[in-house]
Amino acid sequence: MKKEDYLKSIIVNDTLVNIGIDDYGQCYYFEYYDTKEGQIKEVSCGTYCTNYEEEIKDYFNYYERRK
């Protein structure tokens, strides 16, 4: 994530999640460190999704069930 995209960080299910918004201000996205795969993952919340925190929580709830 570029530092100019960075918006804020939250913790979801004991995971630090950095939230950013793209250059055009149309798409929120987030990144986190995936301990299982040992790499940083970047995921889009979709264009014009203003409820990005709920989207992120839903992503992690789904992801946790798949482990």
N, C-alpha and C. Protein backbone atom coordinates (compact mmCIF):
# COMPACT_ATOMS: atom_id res chain seq x y z
N MET A 1 0.85 -1.17 0.00
CA MET A 1 0.00 0.00 0.00
C MET A 1 0.90 1.24 0.00
N LYS A 2 0.59 2.15 -0.87
CA LYS A 2 1.33 3.41 -0.90
C LYS A 2 0.91 4.25 0.31
N LYS A 3 1.85 5.00 0.86
CA LYS A 3 1.53 5.77 2.06
C LYS A 3 0.45 6.82 1.80
N GLU A 4 0.35 7.34 0.59
CA GLU A 4 -0.70 8.32 0.30
C GLU A 4 -2.09 7.68 0.19
N ASP A 5 -2.16 6.35 0.02
CA ASP A 5 -3.44 5.64 -0.01
C ASP A 5 -3.95 5.30 1.39
N TYR A 6 -3.04 5.24 2.36
CA TYR A 6 -3.37 4.79 3.72
C TYR A 6 -4.42 5.68 4.36
N LEU A 7 -5.44 5.03 4.95
CA LEU A 7 -6.52 5.74 5.64
C LEU A 7 -6.44 5.52 7.14
N LYS A 8 -6.43 4.23 7.56
CA LYS A 8 -6.34 3.90 8.98
C LYS A 8 -6.11 2.41 9.13
N SER A 9 -5.90 1.98 10.38
CA SER A 9 -5.72 0.57 10.69
C SER A 9 -6.77 0.14 11.71
N ILE A 10 -7.22 -1.10 11.58
CA ILE A 10 -8.14 -1.68 12.56
C ILE A 10 -7.65 -3.10 12.87
N ILE A 11 -8.17 -3.65 13.95
CA ILE A 11 -7.85 -5.04 14.29
C ILE A 11 -9.13 -5.85 14.13
N VAL A 12 -9.01 -6.92 13.35
CA VAL A 12 -10.14 -7.83 13.12
C VAL A 12 -9.65 -9.24 13.42
N ASN A 13 -10.32 -9.92 14.34
CA ASN A 13 -9.95 -11.29 14.71
C ASN A 13 -8.44 -11.41 15.00
N ASP A 14 -7.93 -10.49 15.81
CA ASP A 14 -6.52 -10.47 16.22
C ASP A 14 -5.55 -10.22 15.06
N THR A 15 -6.02 -9.68 13.96
CA THR A 15 -5.19 -9.39 12.80
C THR A 15 -5.18 -7.88 12.55
N LEU A 16 -4.00 -7.30 12.40
CA LEU A 16 -3.89 -5.90 12.06
C LEU A 16 -4.20 -5.73 10.58
N VAL A 17 -5.15 -4.85 10.29
CA VAL A 17 -5.60 -4.62 8.92
C VAL A 17 -5.40 -3.15 8.58
N ASN A 18 -4.64 -2.87 7.54
CA ASN A 18 -4.44 -1.50 7.06
C ASN A 18 -5.44 -1.22 5.95
N ILE A 19 -6.12 -0.08 6.06
CA ILE A 19 -7.15 0.29 5.09
C ILE A 19 -6.66 1.47 4.28
N GLY A 20 -6.89 1.39 2.97
CA GLY A 20 -6.51 2.48 2.08
C GLY A 20 -7.61 2.76 1.07
N ILE A 21 -7.41 3.84 0.34
CA ILE A 21 -8.35 4.19 -0.73
C ILE A 21 -7.52 4.52 -1.97
N ASP A 22 -7.99 4.10 -3.13
CA ASP A 22 -7.21 4.27 -4.35
C ASP A 22 -7.06 5.74 -4.76
N ASP A 23 -6.24 5.97 -5.77
CA ASP A 23 -5.93 7.33 -6.22
C ASP A 23 -7.16 8.14 -6.59
N TYR A 24 -8.16 7.49 -7.12
CA TYR A 24 -9.36 8.19 -7.59
C TYR A 24 -10.42 8.36 -6.52
N GLY A 25 -10.22 7.77 -5.34
CA GLY A 25 -11.19 7.87 -4.26
C GLY A 25 -12.43 7.04 -4.51
N GLN A 26 -12.32 6.01 -5.34
CA GLN A 26 -13.48 5.20 -5.69
C GLN A 26 -13.50 3.84 -5.02
N CYS A 27 -12.35 3.35 -4.57
CA CYS A 27 -12.29 1.98 -4.10
C CYS A 27 -11.46 1.88 -2.82
N TYR A 28 -12.10 1.41 -1.75
CA TYR A 28 -11.37 1.10 -0.53
C TYR A 28 -10.76 -0.29 -0.68
N TYR A 29 -9.61 -0.47 -0.11
CA TYR A 29 -8.98 -1.78 -0.11
C TYR A 29 -8.23 -1.95 1.20
N PHE A 30 -7.85 -3.18 1.49
CA PHE A 30 -7.14 -3.42 2.74
C PHE A 30 -6.03 -4.43 2.52
N GLU A 31 -5.08 -4.40 3.45
CA GLU A 31 -4.00 -5.37 3.40
C GLU A 31 -3.75 -5.88 4.82
N TYR A 32 -3.28 -7.12 4.86
CA TYR A 32 -2.97 -7.76 6.13
C TYR A 32 -1.91 -8.82 5.88
N TYR A 33 -1.27 -9.26 6.96
CA TYR A 33 -0.26 -10.31 6.84
C TYR A 33 -0.94 -11.65 7.10
N ASP A 34 -0.93 -12.52 6.11
CA ASP A 34 -1.51 -13.86 6.21
C ASP A 34 -0.46 -14.79 6.80
N THR A 35 -0.62 -15.14 8.07
CA THR A 35 0.37 -15.98 8.76
C THR A 35 0.42 -17.39 8.18
N LYS A 36 -0.69 -17.88 7.68
CA LYS A 36 -0.73 -19.23 7.12
C LYS A 36 0.12 -19.32 5.85
N GLU A 37 0.02 -18.31 5.00
CA GLU A 37 0.76 -18.31 3.74
C GLU A 37 2.08 -17.54 3.83
N GLY A 38 2.28 -16.81 4.92
CA GLY A 38 3.52 -16.07 5.11
C GLY A 38 3.73 -14.91 4.16
N GLN A 39 2.65 -14.23 3.81
CA GLN A 39 2.77 -13.10 2.89
C GLN A 39 1.70 -12.04 3.16
N ILE A 40 1.95 -10.86 2.65
CA ILE A 40 0.97 -9.78 2.77
C ILE A 40 -0.07 -9.95 1.67
N LYS A 41 -1.34 -9.88 2.07
CA LYS A 41 -2.45 -9.99 1.12
C LYS A 41 -3.09 -8.62 0.97
N GLU A 42 -3.52 -8.31 -0.24
CA GLU A 42 -4.23 -7.06 -0.52
C GLU A 42 -5.56 -7.43 -1.16
N VAL A 43 -6.65 -6.89 -0.60
CA VAL A 43 -8.00 -7.24 -1.04
C VAL A 43 -8.81 -5.97 -1.27
N SER A 44 -9.56 -5.93 -2.36
CA SER A 44 -10.41 -4.79 -2.69
C SER A 44 -11.79 -4.96 -2.04
N CYS A 45 -12.35 -3.85 -1.59
CA CYS A 45 -13.72 -3.87 -1.05
C CYS A 45 -14.75 -3.61 -2.14
N GLY A 46 -14.30 -3.30 -3.34
CA GLY A 46 -15.22 -3.03 -4.45
C GLY A 46 -15.41 -1.54 -4.66
N THR A 47 -15.73 -1.18 -5.86
CA THR A 47 -15.91 0.22 -6.21
C THR A 47 -17.11 0.82 -5.50
N TYR A 48 -16.92 2.00 -4.95
CA TYR A 48 -17.95 2.79 -4.26
C TYR A 48 -18.53 2.11 -3.03
N CYS A 49 -17.81 1.16 -2.44
CA CYS A 49 -18.26 0.51 -1.20
C CYS A 49 -17.85 1.39 -0.02
N THR A 50 -18.79 2.13 0.54
CA THR A 50 -18.47 3.04 1.65
C THR A 50 -18.56 2.34 3.00
N ASN A 51 -19.14 1.16 3.04
CA ASN A 51 -19.26 0.40 4.27
C ASN A 51 -18.09 -0.59 4.37
N TYR A 52 -16.89 -0.09 4.16
CA TYR A 52 -15.71 -0.95 4.04
C TYR A 52 -15.37 -1.71 5.32
N GLU A 53 -15.64 -1.14 6.50
CA GLU A 53 -15.31 -1.86 7.73
C GLU A 53 -16.15 -3.12 7.88
N GLU A 54 -17.42 -3.07 7.55
CA GLU A 54 -18.27 -4.26 7.58
C GLU A 54 -17.82 -5.28 6.54
N GLU A 55 -17.44 -4.78 5.38
CA GLU A 55 -16.95 -5.65 4.30
C GLU A 55 -15.71 -6.42 4.76
N ILE A 56 -14.82 -5.72 5.46
CA ILE A 56 -13.59 -6.34 5.96
C ILE A 56 -13.91 -7.38 7.03
N LYS A 57 -14.80 -7.06 7.95
CA LYS A 57 -15.19 -8.02 8.99
C LYS A 57 -15.83 -9.26 8.37
N ASP A 58 -16.68 -9.06 7.39
CA ASP A 58 -17.30 -10.20 6.70
C ASP A 58 -16.24 -11.06 6.02
N TYR A 59 -15.26 -10.44 5.40
CA TYR A 59 -14.17 -11.16 4.73
C TYR A 59 -13.45 -12.05 5.74
N PHE A 60 -13.09 -11.49 6.89
CA PHE A 60 -12.35 -12.27 7.88
C PHE A 60 -13.21 -13.35 8.52
N ASN A 61 -14.48 -13.11 8.72
CA ASN A 61 -15.35 -14.16 9.25
C ASN A 61 -15.44 -15.32 8.27
N TYR A 62 -15.53 -15.03 6.98
CA TYR A 62 -15.54 -16.07 5.96
C TYR A 62 -14.19 -16.79 5.90
N TYR A 63 -13.12 -16.01 5.91
CA TYR A 63 -11.77 -16.56 5.81
C TYR A 63 -11.47 -17.47 7.00
N GLU A 64 -11.87 -17.06 8.20
CA GLU A 64 -11.62 -17.86 9.40
C GLU A 64 -12.36 -19.20 9.33
N ARG A 65 -13.54 -19.22 8.76
CA ARG A 65 -14.30 -20.47 8.65
C ARG A 65 -13.64 -21.44 7.69
N ARG A 66 -12.86 -20.94 6.73
CA ARG A 66 -12.23 -21.80 5.72
C ARG A 66 -10.92 -22.42 6.22
N LYS A 67 -10.38 -21.93 7.35
CA LYS A 67 -9.10 -22.46 7.85
C LYS A 67 -9.23 -23.87 8.37
